[in-house]
Amino acid sequence: MSIRSEIVSRVPSGLRAGLRRVRRYPGWYMREDGRRSRNVLADLRDRHAGERCVIVGNGPSLNRMDLSVLNGETTFGMNRIYMGLARFGFTPSYYVSVNNLVCEQYSDDIAALPGLKFLSWRNRHRFSGNPDAIYLRSSAPRQPFATDAREEIWEGATVTYVALQLAYHMGFSKVVLIGVDHRFQVEGAPHAEQVATGPDTNHFDANYFAAGTRWNLPDLVTSETAYRQAKAAFEADGRQVVDATVDGALTVFAKEPLSGALSSDGRARRPVSTRLQAEGVG
């Protein structure tokens, strides 16, 4: 055994794992935006224990729903959801976007959104100086569902899976999915970059990915694998995820109409923005 190997072998395994994390993401531990992200995520840990939230996808089925019922609910909006907010009549409590092309092409739109924005660490240079930008560390290889968002997160080929991990981290006991149509009218290899050529029929707005926009083709198979991991994690802790998407093609989660999913008492006890501001977060 070499001297180096002998020294390393004497270091406790927990410390070795910590050093590996620092080496992989040094800025996460040394930069101000990394420190802020860690602190905010710590403050949000189990903040919503026992409450309900709604994760809002961007499928065309949103156009068939009355989303004004989301007022008073804690909600997660994702990617370009902001295009429909005036029409939908609600404002997301939290915002999530991790796709490189979305963050690259719409960074100004995202930066202007009010409230906390959960973004990938690799895109932090696009939101430099934004105090509401909270960064998540992404894991390239598949890994288990992250019950603590301060750890590395597998994106699972869909931002919805990232939002589910954040919802678990925050303690929500019931998560309702809407707008997760899980259905795309496209051809090509998963994750392939394409340039949009016409009206977007895969999202709630025809200009969501307008002509000339670069976007990645979906990977529905991998996202289903991720969703099954989320389902198992929530159920193992006595929590639940239900799918209230209108005519959605996803079959992983139990189906429930939105009216039924929101009928029980599970709303946030105080408005999210008020609570965060009162406690110095955001």
Foldseek 3Di string as FASTA:
>chain_A
DDPVVVVVVPDDPVVVVVVVVCVVPVCLVVPPLNVLLVVLLVVLQQQQAQFEEEEEAFFQLLVVDQQLVCVLFAYEYEQVPVVCCVVNNDAHQEYEYEDPLSCVPCVVVVLPHDAAYEYAPVSVVSNPPRQRYRHFHADPDDDFQALRRNDHHHCLQHRVLVVLSSCSRNNYQEYEYENQQLDADDDDDFQDKDADQAQGNGGNGRVSRHGRRIDTHGDSVSNLVSVLSSQVVSVVVNGFYEYQYDNHPDDNHHHDHPCVSPVDDRGGPDRSVVVCVVVVHD
